[in-house]
Amino acid sequence: REETGFAKGFYRRPLQVGDTHTPGGGGRVTELTARPLLNLF
């Protein structure tokens, strides 16, 4: 689309801490800071 001027990717972000693997546990700053601020303001 010519109207599209900016494109961003998104994905699942697994979190690996030691031997513990959490499939959807990554993106902590996204969910705890960035998205709440954008939703608010």
PDB file of all heavy atoms in Angstrom:
ATOM      1  N   ARG A   1       0.847  -1.193   0.000  1.00  0.00           N
ATOM      2  CA  ARG A   1       0.000   0.000   0.000  1.00  0.00           C
ATOM      3  C   ARG A   1       0.880   1.240   0.000  1.00  0.00           C
ATOM      4  O   ARG A   1       1.724   1.397   0.881  1.00  0.00           O
ATOM      5  CB  ARG A   1      -0.908   0.045   1.231  1.00  0.00           C
ATOM      6  CG  ARG A   1      -2.002  -0.985   1.266  1.00  0.00           C
ATOM      7  CD  ARG A   1      -2.782  -0.922   2.582  1.00  0.00           C
ATOM      8  NE  ARG A   1      -3.457   0.356   2.769  1.00  0.00           N
ATOM      9  CZ  ARG A   1      -3.153   1.235   3.733  1.00  0.00           C
ATOM     10  NH1 ARG A   1      -2.166   0.994   4.568  1.00  0.00           N
ATOM     11  NH2 ARG A   1      -3.823   2.360   3.850  1.00  0.00           N
ATOM     12  N   GLU A   2       0.667   2.098  -0.961  1.00  0.00           N
ATOM     13  CA  GLU A   2       1.455   3.330  -1.016  1.00  0.00           C
ATOM     14  C   GLU A   2       1.208   4.202   0.203  1.00  0.00           C
ATOM     15  O   GLU A   2       2.072   4.973   0.619  1.00  0.00           O
ATOM     16  CB  GLU A   2       1.127   4.108  -2.293  1.00  0.00           C
ATOM     17  CG  GLU A   2       2.012   5.320  -2.518  1.00  0.00           C
ATOM     18  CD  GLU A   2       1.697   6.034  -3.811  1.00  0.00           C
ATOM     19  OE1 GLU A   2       0.915   5.496  -4.612  1.00  0.00           O
ATOM     20  OE2 GLU A   2       2.232   7.141  -4.015  1.00  0.00           O
ATOM     21  N   GLU A   3       0.013   4.064   0.817  1.00  0.00           N
ATOM     22  CA  GLU A   3      -0.318   4.861   1.994  1.00  0.00           C
ATOM     23  C   GLU A   3       0.477   4.440   3.222  1.00  0.00           C
ATOM     24  O   GLU A   3       0.575   5.196   4.194  1.00  0.00           O
ATOM     25  CB  GLU A   3      -1.819   4.752   2.300  1.00  0.00           C
ATOM     26  CG  GLU A   3      -2.732   5.353   1.244  1.00  0.00           C
ATOM     27  CD  GLU A   3      -2.916   4.436   0.031  1.00  0.00           C
ATOM     28  OE1 GLU A   3      -2.512   3.250   0.122  1.00  0.00           O
ATOM     29  OE2 GLU A   3      -3.448   4.893  -0.990  1.00  0.00           O
ATOM     30  N   THR A   4       1.018   3.240   3.195  1.00  0.00           N
ATOM     31  CA  THR A   4       1.805   2.763   4.331  1.00  0.00           C
ATOM     32  C   THR A   4       3.193   3.394   4.276  1.00  0.00           C
ATOM     33  O   THR A   4       3.938   3.193   3.327  1.00  0.00           O
ATOM     34  CB  THR A   4       1.927   1.232   4.316  1.00  0.00           C
ATOM     35  OG1 THR A   4       0.616   0.652   4.416  1.00  0.00           O
ATOM     36  CG2 THR A   4       2.773   0.747   5.490  1.00  0.00           C
ATOM     37  N   GLY A   5       3.515   4.145   5.313  1.00  0.00           N
ATOM     38  CA  GLY A   5       4.812   4.806   5.360  1.00  0.00           C
ATOM     39  C   GLY A   5       5.755   4.215   6.376  1.00  0.00           C
ATOM     40  O   GLY A   5       6.954   4.510   6.364  1.00  0.00           O
ATOM     41  N   PHE A   6       5.224   3.359   7.266  1.00  0.00           N
ATOM     42  CA  PHE A   6       6.026   2.812   8.352  1.00  0.00           C
ATOM     43  C   PHE A   6       5.472   1.444   8.708  1.00  0.00           C
ATOM     44  O   PHE A   6       4.259   1.278   8.855  1.00  0.00           O
ATOM     45  CB  PHE A   6       5.954   3.742   9.568  1.00  0.00           C
ATOM     46  CG  PHE A   6       6.918   3.421  10.676  1.00  0.00           C
ATOM     47  CD1 PHE A   6       8.277   3.609  10.519  1.00  0.00           C
ATOM     48  CD2 PHE A   6       6.453   2.959  11.899  1.00  0.00           C
ATOM     49  CE1 PHE A   6       9.165   3.342  11.546  1.00  0.00           C
ATOM     50  CE2 PHE A   6       7.321   2.687  12.938  1.00  0.00           C
ATOM     51  CZ  PHE A   6       8.691   2.882  12.767  1.00  0.00           C
ATOM     52  N   ALA A   7       6.354   0.460   8.832  1.00  0.00           N
ATOM     53  CA  ALA A   7       5.929  -0.917   9.112  1.00  0.00           C
ATOM     54  C   ALA A   7       6.734  -1.467  10.280  1.00  0.00           C
ATOM     55  O   ALA A   7       7.957  -1.321  10.323  1.00  0.00           O
ATOM     56  CB  ALA A   7       6.121  -1.798   7.877  1.00  0.00           C
ATOM     57  N   LYS A   8       6.040  -2.121  11.215  1.00  0.00           N
ATOM     58  CA  LYS A   8       6.691  -2.701  12.393  1.00  0.00           C
ATOM     59  C   LYS A   8       6.378  -4.188  12.479  1.00  0.00           C
ATOM     60  O   LYS A   8       5.255  -4.611  12.192  1.00  0.00           O
ATOM     61  CB  LYS A   8       6.196  -2.043  13.683  1.00  0.00           C
ATOM     62  CG  LYS A   8       6.775  -0.671  13.945  1.00  0.00           C
ATOM     63  CD  LYS A   8       6.511  -0.218  15.367  1.00  0.00           C
ATOM     64  CE  LYS A   8       7.321  -0.973  16.381  1.00  0.00           C
ATOM     65  NZ  LYS A   8       8.732  -0.533  16.437  1.00  0.00           N
ATOM     66  N   GLY A   9       7.373  -4.953  12.914  1.00  0.00           N
ATOM     67  CA  GLY A   9       7.148  -6.367  13.134  1.00  0.00           C
ATOM     68  C   GLY A   9       6.633  -6.637  14.535  1.00  0.00           C
ATOM     69  O   GLY A   9       6.819  -5.842  15.458  1.00  0.00           O
ATOM     70  N   PHE A  10       5.946  -7.774  14.687  1.00  0.00           N
ATOM     71  CA  PHE A  10       5.619  -8.275  16.024  1.00  0.00           C
ATOM     72  C   PHE A  10       5.748  -9.795  15.998  1.00  0.00           C
ATOM     73  O   PHE A  10       5.740 -10.421  14.936  1.00  0.00           O
ATOM     74  CB  PHE A  10       4.226  -7.827  16.494  1.00  0.00           C
ATOM     75  CG  PHE A  10       3.059  -8.421  15.747  1.00  0.00           C
ATOM     76  CD1 PHE A  10       2.456  -9.603  16.165  1.00  0.00           C
ATOM     77  CD2 PHE A  10       2.539  -7.789  14.622  1.00  0.00           C
ATOM     78  CE1 PHE A  10       1.374 -10.135  15.489  1.00  0.00           C
ATOM     79  CE2 PHE A  10       1.450  -8.316  13.932  1.00  0.00           C
ATOM     80  CZ  PHE A  10       0.869  -9.495  14.361  1.00  0.00           C
ATOM     81  N   TYR A  11       5.866 -10.398  17.165  1.00  0.00           N
ATOM     82  CA  TYR A  11       6.197 -11.819  17.248  1.00  0.00           C
ATOM     83  C   TYR A  11       6.059 -12.290  18.684  1.00  0.00           C
ATOM     84  O   TYR A  11       5.940 -11.493  19.619  1.00  0.00           O
ATOM     85  CB  TYR A  11       7.637 -12.068  16.775  1.00  0.00           C
ATOM     86  CG  TYR A  11       8.548 -10.880  16.916  1.00  0.00           C
ATOM     87  CD1 TYR A  11       8.897 -10.376  18.172  1.00  0.00           C
ATOM     88  CD2 TYR A  11       9.026 -10.203  15.787  1.00  0.00           C
ATOM     89  CE1 TYR A  11       9.700  -9.259  18.308  1.00  0.00           C
ATOM     90  CE2 TYR A  11       9.839  -9.079  15.921  1.00  0.00           C
ATOM     91  CZ  TYR A  11      10.168  -8.619  17.188  1.00  0.00           C
ATOM     92  OH  TYR A  11      10.954  -7.512  17.325  1.00  0.00           O
ATOM     93  N   ARG A  12       6.072 -13.591  18.849  1.00  0.00           N
ATOM     94  CA  ARG A  12       6.217 -14.156  20.184  1.00  0.00           C
ATOM     95  C   ARG A  12       7.666 -13.996  20.617  1.00  0.00           C
ATOM     96  O   ARG A  12       8.579 -14.155  19.818  1.00  0.00           O
ATOM     97  CB  ARG A  12       5.848 -15.646  20.207  1.00  0.00           C
ATOM     98  CG  ARG A  12       4.414 -15.937  19.842  1.00  0.00           C
ATOM     99  CD  ARG A  12       4.122 -17.422  20.007  1.00  0.00           C
ATOM    100  NE  ARG A  12       5.045 -18.239  19.214  1.00  0.00           N
ATOM    101  CZ  ARG A  12       4.872 -18.536  17.931  1.00  0.00           C
ATOM    102  NH1 ARG A  12       3.815 -18.067  17.283  1.00  0.00           N
ATOM    103  NH2 ARG A  12       5.762 -19.281  17.284  1.00  0.00           N
ATOM    104  N   ARG A  13       7.856 -13.717  21.905  1.00  0.00           N
ATOM    105  CA  ARG A  13       9.214 -13.537  22.420  1.00  0.00           C
ATOM    106  C   ARG A  13       9.392 -14.434  23.641  1.00  0.00           C
ATOM    107  O   ARG A  13       8.996 -14.068  24.748  1.00  0.00           O
ATOM    108  CB  ARG A  13       9.470 -12.075  22.790  1.00  0.00           C
ATOM    109  CG  ARG A  13       9.454 -11.149  21.588  1.00  0.00           C
ATOM    110  CD  ARG A  13       9.710  -9.714  21.985  1.00  0.00           C
ATOM    111  NE  ARG A  13      11.040  -9.550  22.561  1.00  0.00           N
ATOM    112  CZ  ARG A  13      11.496  -8.383  23.043  1.00  0.00           C
ATOM    113  NH1 ARG A  13      10.725  -7.324  23.023  1.00  0.00           N
ATOM    114  NH2 ARG A  13      12.710  -8.310  23.537  1.00  0.00           N
ATOM    115  N   PRO A  14       9.956 -15.620  23.460  1.00  0.00           N
ATOM    116  CA  PRO A  14      10.167 -16.501  24.610  1.00  0.00           C
ATOM    117  C   PRO A  14      11.186 -15.919  25.568  1.00  0.00           C
ATOM    118  O   PRO A  14      12.094 -15.175  25.176  1.00  0.00           O
ATOM    119  CB  PRO A  14      10.679 -17.798  23.970  1.00  0.00           C
ATOM    120  CG  PRO A  14      11.245 -17.384  22.655  1.00  0.00           C
ATOM    121  CD  PRO A  14      10.425 -16.211  22.207  1.00  0.00           C
ATOM    122  N   LEU A  15      11.031 -16.261  26.844  1.00  0.00           N
ATOM    123  CA  LEU A  15      11.940 -15.801  27.890  1.00  0.00           C
ATOM    124  C   LEU A  15      12.718 -16.995  28.424  1.00  0.00           C
ATOM    125  O   LEU A  15      12.132 -18.001  28.827  1.00  0.00           O
ATOM    126  CB  LEU A  15      11.155 -15.137  29.019  1.00  0.00           C
ATOM    127  CG  LEU A  15      11.964 -14.674  30.250  1.00  0.00           C
ATOM    128  CD1 LEU A  15      12.946 -13.590  29.845  1.00  0.00           C
ATOM    129  CD2 LEU A  15      11.017 -14.193  31.345  1.00  0.00           C
ATOM    130  N   GLN A  16      14.031 -16.899  28.372  1.00  0.00           N
ATOM    131  CA  GLN A  16      14.903 -17.957  28.863  1.00  0.00           C
ATOM    132  C   GLN A  16      15.684 -17.433  30.059  1.00  0.00           C
ATOM    133  O   GLN A  16      16.497 -16.520  29.939  1.00  0.00           O
ATOM    134  CB  GLN A  16      15.884 -18.424  27.772  1.00  0.00           C
ATOM    135  CG  GLN A  16      16.750 -19.603  28.164  1.00  0.00           C
ATOM    136  CD  GLN A  16      16.008 -20.927  28.072  1.00  0.00           C
ATOM    137  OE1 GLN A  16      15.182 -21.105  27.178  1.00  0.00           O
ATOM    138  NE2 GLN A  16      16.293 -21.838  28.981  1.00  0.00           N
ATOM    139  N   VAL A  17      15.406 -17.993  31.241  1.00  0.00           N
ATOM    140  CA  VAL A  17      16.134 -17.656  32.459  1.00  0.00           C
ATOM    141  C   VAL A  17      16.685 -18.944  33.045  1.00  0.00           C
ATOM    142  O   VAL A  17      15.938 -19.776  33.558  1.00  0.00           O
ATOM    143  CB  VAL A  17      15.239 -16.931  33.489  1.00  0.00           C
ATOM    144  CG1 VAL A  17      16.044 -16.604  34.741  1.00  0.00           C
ATOM    145  CG2 VAL A  17      14.637 -15.670  32.893  1.00  0.00           C
ATOM    146  N   GLY A  18      17.995 -19.141  32.935  1.00  0.00           N
ATOM    147  CA  GLY A  18      18.590 -20.396  33.377  1.00  0.00           C
ATOM    148  C   GLY A  18      18.048 -21.533  32.541  1.00  0.00           C
ATOM    149  O   GLY A  18      18.111 -21.511  31.309  1.00  0.00           O
ATOM    150  N   ASP A  19      17.488 -22.528  33.199  1.00  0.00           N
ATOM    151  CA  ASP A  19      16.913 -23.673  32.494  1.00  0.00           C
ATOM    152  C   ASP A  19      15.418 -23.527  32.277  1.00  0.00           C
ATOM    153  O   ASP A  19      14.765 -24.430  31.762  1.00  0.00           O
ATOM    154  CB  ASP A  19      17.190 -24.967  33.284  1.00  0.00           C
ATOM    155  CG  ASP A  19      18.681 -25.281  33.371  1.00  0.00           C
ATOM    156  OD1 ASP A  19      19.400 -24.925  32.420  1.00  0.00           O
ATOM    157  OD2 ASP A  19      19.110 -25.864  34.384  1.00  0.00           O
ATOM    158  N   THR A  20      14.862 -22.382  32.685  1.00  0.00           N
ATOM    159  CA  THR A  20      13.421 -22.170  32.565  1.00  0.00           C
ATOM    160  C   THR A  20      13.099 -21.446  31.267  1.00  0.00           C
ATOM    161  O   THR A  20      13.631 -20.368  31.000  1.00  0.00           O
ATOM    162  CB  THR A  20      12.884 -21.351  33.758  1.00  0.00           C
ATOM    163  OG1 THR A  20      13.211 -22.030  34.971  1.00  0.00           O
ATOM    164  CG2 THR A  20      11.377 -21.178  33.647  1.00  0.00           C
ATOM    165  N   HIS A  21      12.218 -22.043  30.464  1.00  0.00           N
ATOM    166  CA  HIS A  21      11.824 -21.474  29.174  1.00  0.00           C
ATOM    167  C   HIS A  21      10.341 -21.131  29.224  1.00  0.00           C
ATOM    168  O   HIS A  21       9.502 -22.004  29.397  1.00  0.00           O
ATOM    169  CB  HIS A  21      12.098 -22.484  28.050  1.00  0.00           C
ATOM    170  CG  HIS A  21      11.755 -21.975  26.684  1.00  0.00           C
ATOM    171  ND1 HIS A  21      12.604 -21.212  25.922  1.00  0.00           N
ATOM    172  CD2 HIS A  21      10.618 -22.113  25.947  1.00  0.00           C
ATOM    173  CE1 HIS A  21      12.036 -20.920  24.765  1.00  0.00           C
ATOM    174  NE2 HIS A  21      10.820 -21.450  24.764  1.00  0.00           N
ATOM    175  N   THR A  22      10.029 -19.845  29.081  1.00  0.00           N
ATOM    176  CA  THR A  22       8.637 -19.395  29.077  1.00  0.00           C
ATOM    177  C   THR A  22       8.301 -18.889  27.685  1.00  0.00           C
ATOM    178  O   THR A  22       8.821 -17.854  27.249  1.00  0.00           O
ATOM    179  CB  THR A  22       8.438 -18.261  30.106  1.00  0.00           C
ATOM    180  OG1 THR A  22       8.906 -18.700  31.383  1.00  0.00           O
ATOM    181  CG2 THR A  22       6.960 -17.885  30.199  1.00  0.00           C
ATOM    182  N   PRO A  23       7.428 -19.613  26.937  1.00  0.00           N
ATOM    183  CA  PRO A  23       7.192 -19.274  25.525  1.00  0.00           C
ATOM    184  C   PRO A  23       6.780 -17.830  25.283  1.00  0.00           C
ATOM    185  O   PRO A  23       7.225 -17.200  24.338  1.00  0.00           O
ATOM    186  CB  PRO A  23       6.082 -20.251  25.123  1.00  0.00           C
ATOM    187  CG  PRO A  23       6.266 -21.416  26.037  1.00  0.00           C
ATOM    188  CD  PRO A  23       6.711 -20.832  27.341  1.00  0.00           C
ATOM    189  N   GLY A  24       5.928 -17.271  26.133  1.00  0.00           N
ATOM    190  CA  GLY A  24       5.459 -15.904  25.888  1.00  0.00           C
ATOM    191  C   GLY A  24       5.916 -14.920  26.936  1.00  0.00           C
ATOM    192  O   GLY A  24       5.291 -13.889  27.130  1.00  0.00           O
ATOM    193  N   GLY A  25       7.023 -15.210  27.609  1.00  0.00           N
ATOM    194  CA  GLY A  25       7.433 -14.393  28.737  1.00  0.00           C
ATOM    195  C   GLY A  25       8.304 -13.210  28.413  1.00  0.00           C
ATOM    196  O   GLY A  25       8.645 -12.424  29.301  1.00  0.00           O
ATOM    197  N   GLY A  26       8.716 -13.061  27.156  1.00  0.00           N
ATOM    198  CA  GLY A  26       9.559 -11.936  26.774  1.00  0.00           C
ATOM    199  C   GLY A  26       8.749 -10.665  26.580  1.00  0.00           C
ATOM    200  O   GLY A  26       7.532 -10.642  26.750  1.00  0.00           O
ATOM    201  N   GLY A  27       9.438  -9.609  26.217  1.00  0.00           N
ATOM    202  CA  GLY A  27       8.746  -8.339  25.982  1.00  0.00           C
ATOM    203  C   GLY A  27       8.206  -7.721  27.252  1.00  0.00           C
ATOM    204  O   GLY A  27       7.119  -7.132  27.259  1.00  0.00           O
ATOM    205  N   ARG A  28       8.971  -7.789  28.336  1.00  0.00           N
ATOM    206  CA  ARG A  28       8.474  -7.309  29.624  1.00  0.00           C
ATOM    207  C   ARG A  28       8.318  -5.791  29.653  1.00  0.00           C
ATOM    208  O   ARG A  28       7.316  -5.283  30.180  1.00  0.00           O
ATOM    209  CB  ARG A  28       9.424  -7.786  30.737  1.00  0.00           C
ATOM    210  CG  ARG A  28       9.358  -9.291  30.979  1.00  0.00           C
ATOM    211  CD  ARG A  28      10.551  -9.783  31.790  1.00  0.00           C
ATOM    212  NE  ARG A  28      11.760  -9.808  30.964  1.00  0.00           N
ATOM    213  CZ  ARG A  28      12.972 -10.090  31.451  1.00  0.00           C
ATOM    214  NH1 ARG A  28      13.118 -10.353  32.744  1.00  0.00           N
ATOM    215  NH2 ARG A  28      14.022 -10.108  30.649  1.00  0.00           N
ATOM    216  N   VAL A  29       9.254  -5.043  29.075  1.00  0.00           N
ATOM    217  CA  VAL A  29       9.123  -3.582  29.053  1.00  0.00           C
ATOM    218  C   VAL A  29       7.945  -3.181  28.160  1.00  0.00           C
ATOM    219  O   VAL A  29       7.235  -2.210  28.446  1.00  0.00           O
ATOM    220  CB  VAL A  29      10.427  -2.930  28.577  1.00  0.00           C
ATOM    221  CG1 VAL A  29      10.278  -1.418  28.490  1.00  0.00           C
ATOM    222  CG2 VAL A  29      11.570  -3.272  29.516  1.00  0.00           C
ATOM    223  N   THR A  30       7.731  -3.936  27.105  1.00  0.00           N
ATOM    224  CA  THR A  30       6.582  -3.659  26.233  1.00  0.00           C
ATOM    225  C   THR A  30       5.280  -3.706  27.009  1.00  0.00           C
ATOM    226  O   THR A  30       4.459  -2.783  26.938  1.00  0.00           O
ATOM    227  CB  THR A  30       6.541  -4.677  25.077  1.00  0.00           C
ATOM    228  OG1 THR A  30       7.675  -4.483  24.239  1.00  0.00           O
ATOM    229  CG2 THR A  30       5.263  -4.518  24.256  1.00  0.00           C
ATOM    230  N   GLU A  31       5.068  -4.786  27.750  1.00  0.00           N
ATOM    231  CA  GLU A  31       3.784  -4.991  28.419  1.00  0.00           C
ATOM    232  C   GLU A  31       3.648  -4.196  29.711  1.00  0.00           C
ATOM    233  O   GLU A  31       2.532  -3.859  30.110  1.00  0.00           O
ATOM    234  CB  GLU A  31       3.584  -6.487  28.709  1.00  0.00           C
ATOM    235  CG  GLU A  31       3.471  -7.337  27.458  1.00  0.00           C
ATOM    236  CD  GLU A  31       2.343  -6.882  26.535  1.00  0.00           C
ATOM    237  OE1 GLU A  31       1.306  -6.394  27.042  1.00  0.00           O
ATOM    238  OE2 GLU A  31       2.496  -7.000  25.303  1.00  0.00           O
ATOM    239  N   LEU A  32       4.754  -3.885  30.382  1.00  0.00           N
ATOM    240  CA  LEU A  32       4.685  -3.204  31.673  1.00  0.00           C
ATOM    241  C   LEU A  32       4.891  -1.699  31.588  1.00  0.00           C
ATOM    242  O   LEU A  32       4.566  -0.975  32.524  1.00  0.00           O
ATOM    243  CB  LEU A  32       5.717  -3.805  32.634  1.00  0.00           C
ATOM    244  CG  LEU A  32       5.515  -5.281  32.983  1.00  0.00           C
ATOM    245  CD1 LEU A  32       6.645  -5.792  33.857  1.00  0.00           C
ATOM    246  CD2 LEU A  32       4.175  -5.493  33.684  1.00  0.00           C
ATOM    247  N   THR A  33       5.419  -1.226  30.465  1.00  0.00           N
ATOM    248  CA  THR A  33       5.672   0.215  30.328  1.00  0.00           C
ATOM    249  C   THR A  33       5.120   0.788  29.034  1.00  0.00           C
ATOM    250  O   THR A  33       4.259   1.665  29.043  1.00  0.00           O
ATOM    251  CB  THR A  33       7.186   0.515  30.418  1.00  0.00           C
ATOM    252  OG1 THR A  33       7.692   0.035  31.658  1.00  0.00           O
ATOM    253  CG2 THR A  33       7.442   2.017  30.326  1.00  0.00           C
ATOM    254  N   ALA A  34       5.603   0.296  27.895  1.00  0.00           N
ATOM    255  CA  ALA A  34       5.293   0.949  26.621  1.00  0.00           C
ATOM    256  C   ALA A  34       3.804   0.879  26.275  1.00  0.00           C
ATOM    257  O   ALA A  34       3.179   1.914  25.986  1.00  0.00           O
ATOM    258  CB  ALA A  34       6.127   0.333  25.503  1.00  0.00           C
ATOM    259  N   ARG A  35       3.235  -0.310  26.292  1.00  0.00           N
ATOM    260  CA  ARG A  35       1.832  -0.405  25.894  1.00  0.00           C
ATOM    261  C   ARG A  35       0.896   0.277  26.900  1.00  0.00           C
ATOM    262  O   ARG A  35      -0.060   0.954  26.480  1.00  0.00           O
ATOM    263  CB  ARG A  35       1.422  -1.859  25.665  1.00  0.00           C
ATOM    264  CG  ARG A  35       2.174  -2.526  24.503  1.00  0.00           C
ATOM    265  CD  ARG A  35       1.482  -3.769  23.960  1.00  0.00           C
ATOM    266  NE  ARG A  35       0.328  -3.398  23.152  1.00  0.00           N
ATOM    267  CZ  ARG A  35      -0.929  -3.544  23.524  1.00  0.00           C
ATOM    268  NH1 ARG A  35      -1.215  -4.056  24.705  1.00  0.00           N
ATOM    269  NH2 ARG A  35      -1.918  -3.171  22.735  1.00  0.00           N
ATOM    270  N   PRO A  36       1.112   0.160  28.220  1.00  0.00           N
ATOM    271  CA  PRO A  36       0.254   0.934  29.130  1.00  0.00           C
ATOM    272  C   PRO A  36       0.327   2.439  28.894  1.00  0.00           C
ATOM    273  O   PRO A  36      -0.704   3.122  28.930  1.00  0.00           O
ATOM    274  CB  PRO A  36       0.788   0.547  30.514  1.00  0.00           C
ATOM    275  CG  PRO A  36       1.333  -0.830  30.333  1.00  0.00           C
ATOM    276  CD  PRO A  36       1.936  -0.823  28.955  1.00  0.00           C
ATOM    277  N   LEU A  37       1.536   2.969  28.648  1.00  0.00           N
ATOM    278  CA  LEU A  37       1.649   4.408  28.404  1.00  0.00           C
ATOM    279  C   LEU A  37       0.933   4.812  27.121  1.00  0.00           C
ATOM    280  O   LEU A  37       0.254   5.853  27.070  1.00  0.00           O
ATOM    281  CB  LEU A  37       3.123   4.809  28.334  1.00  0.00           C
ATOM    282  CG  LEU A  37       3.869   4.881  29.672  1.00  0.00           C
ATOM    283  CD1 LEU A  37       5.364   5.089  29.424  1.00  0.00           C
ATOM    284  CD2 LEU A  37       3.313   5.993  30.554  1.00  0.00           C
ATOM    285  N   LEU A  38       1.083   4.024  26.071  1.00  0.00           N
ATOM    286  CA  LEU A  38       0.403   4.355  24.819  1.00  0.00           C
ATOM    287  C   LEU A  38      -1.106   4.237  24.966  1.00  0.00           C
ATOM    288  O   LEU A  38      -1.860   5.081  24.453  1.00  0.00           O
ATOM    289  CB  LEU A  38       0.902   3.445  23.690  1.00  0.00           C
ATOM    290  CG  LEU A  38       2.351   3.662  23.252  1.00  0.00           C
ATOM    291  CD1 LEU A  38       2.733   2.654  22.181  1.00  0.00           C
ATOM    292  CD2 LEU A  38       2.582   5.083  22.756  1.00  0.00           C
ATOM    293  N   ASN A  39      -1.580   3.206  25.662  1.00  0.00           N
ATOM    294  CA  ASN A  39      -3.017   3.077  25.891  1.00  0.00           C
ATOM    295  C   ASN A  39      -3.565   4.264  26.671  1.00  0.00           C
ATOM    296  O   ASN A  39      -4.685   4.716  26.422  1.00  0.00           O
ATOM    297  CB  ASN A  39      -3.314   1.778  26.642  1.00  0.00           C
ATOM    298  CG  ASN A  39      -3.505   0.594  25.725  1.00  0.00           C
ATOM    299  OD1 ASN A  39      -4.628   0.252  25.359  1.00  0.00           O
ATOM    300  ND2 ASN A  39      -2.415  -0.044  25.331  1.00  0.00           N
ATOM    301  N   LEU A  40      -2.763   4.761  27.609  1.00  0.00           N
ATOM    302  CA  LEU A  40      -3.225   5.858  28.454  1.00  0.00           C
ATOM    303  C   LEU A  40      -3.236   7.194  27.720  1.00  0.00           C
ATOM    304  O   LEU A  40      -4.225   7.939  27.777  1.00  0.00           O
ATOM    305  CB  LEU A  40      -2.326   5.943  29.693  1.00  0.00           C
ATOM    306  CG  LEU A  40      -2.704   6.974  30.764  1.00  0.00           C
ATOM    307  CD1 LEU A  40      -4.087   6.655  31.341  1.00  0.00           C
ATOM    308  CD2 LEU A  40      -1.663   6.970  31.876  1.00  0.00           C
ATOM    309  N   PHE A  41      -2.135   7.494  27.017  1.00  0.00           N
ATOM    310  CA  PHE A  41      -1.980   8.828  26.439  1.00  0.00           C
ATOM    311  C   PHE A  41      -2.174   8.887  24.926  1.00  0.00           C
ATOM    312  O   PHE A  41      -2.461   9.950  24.381  1.00  0.00           O
ATOM    313  CB  PHE A  41      -0.601   9.384  26.787  1.00  0.00           C
ATOM    314  CG  PHE A  41      -0.393   9.603  28.256  1.00  0.00           C
ATOM    315  CD1 PHE A  41       0.549   8.863  28.961  1.00  0.00           C
ATOM    316  CD2 PHE A  41      -1.146  10.539  28.946  1.00  0.00           C
ATOM    317  CE1 PHE A  41       0.742   9.068  30.323  1.00  0.00           C
ATOM    318  CE2 PHE A  41      -0.961  10.753  30.311  1.00  0.00           C
ATOM    319  CZ  PHE A  41      -0.016  10.008  31.001  1.00  0.00           C
TER     320      PHE A  41
END
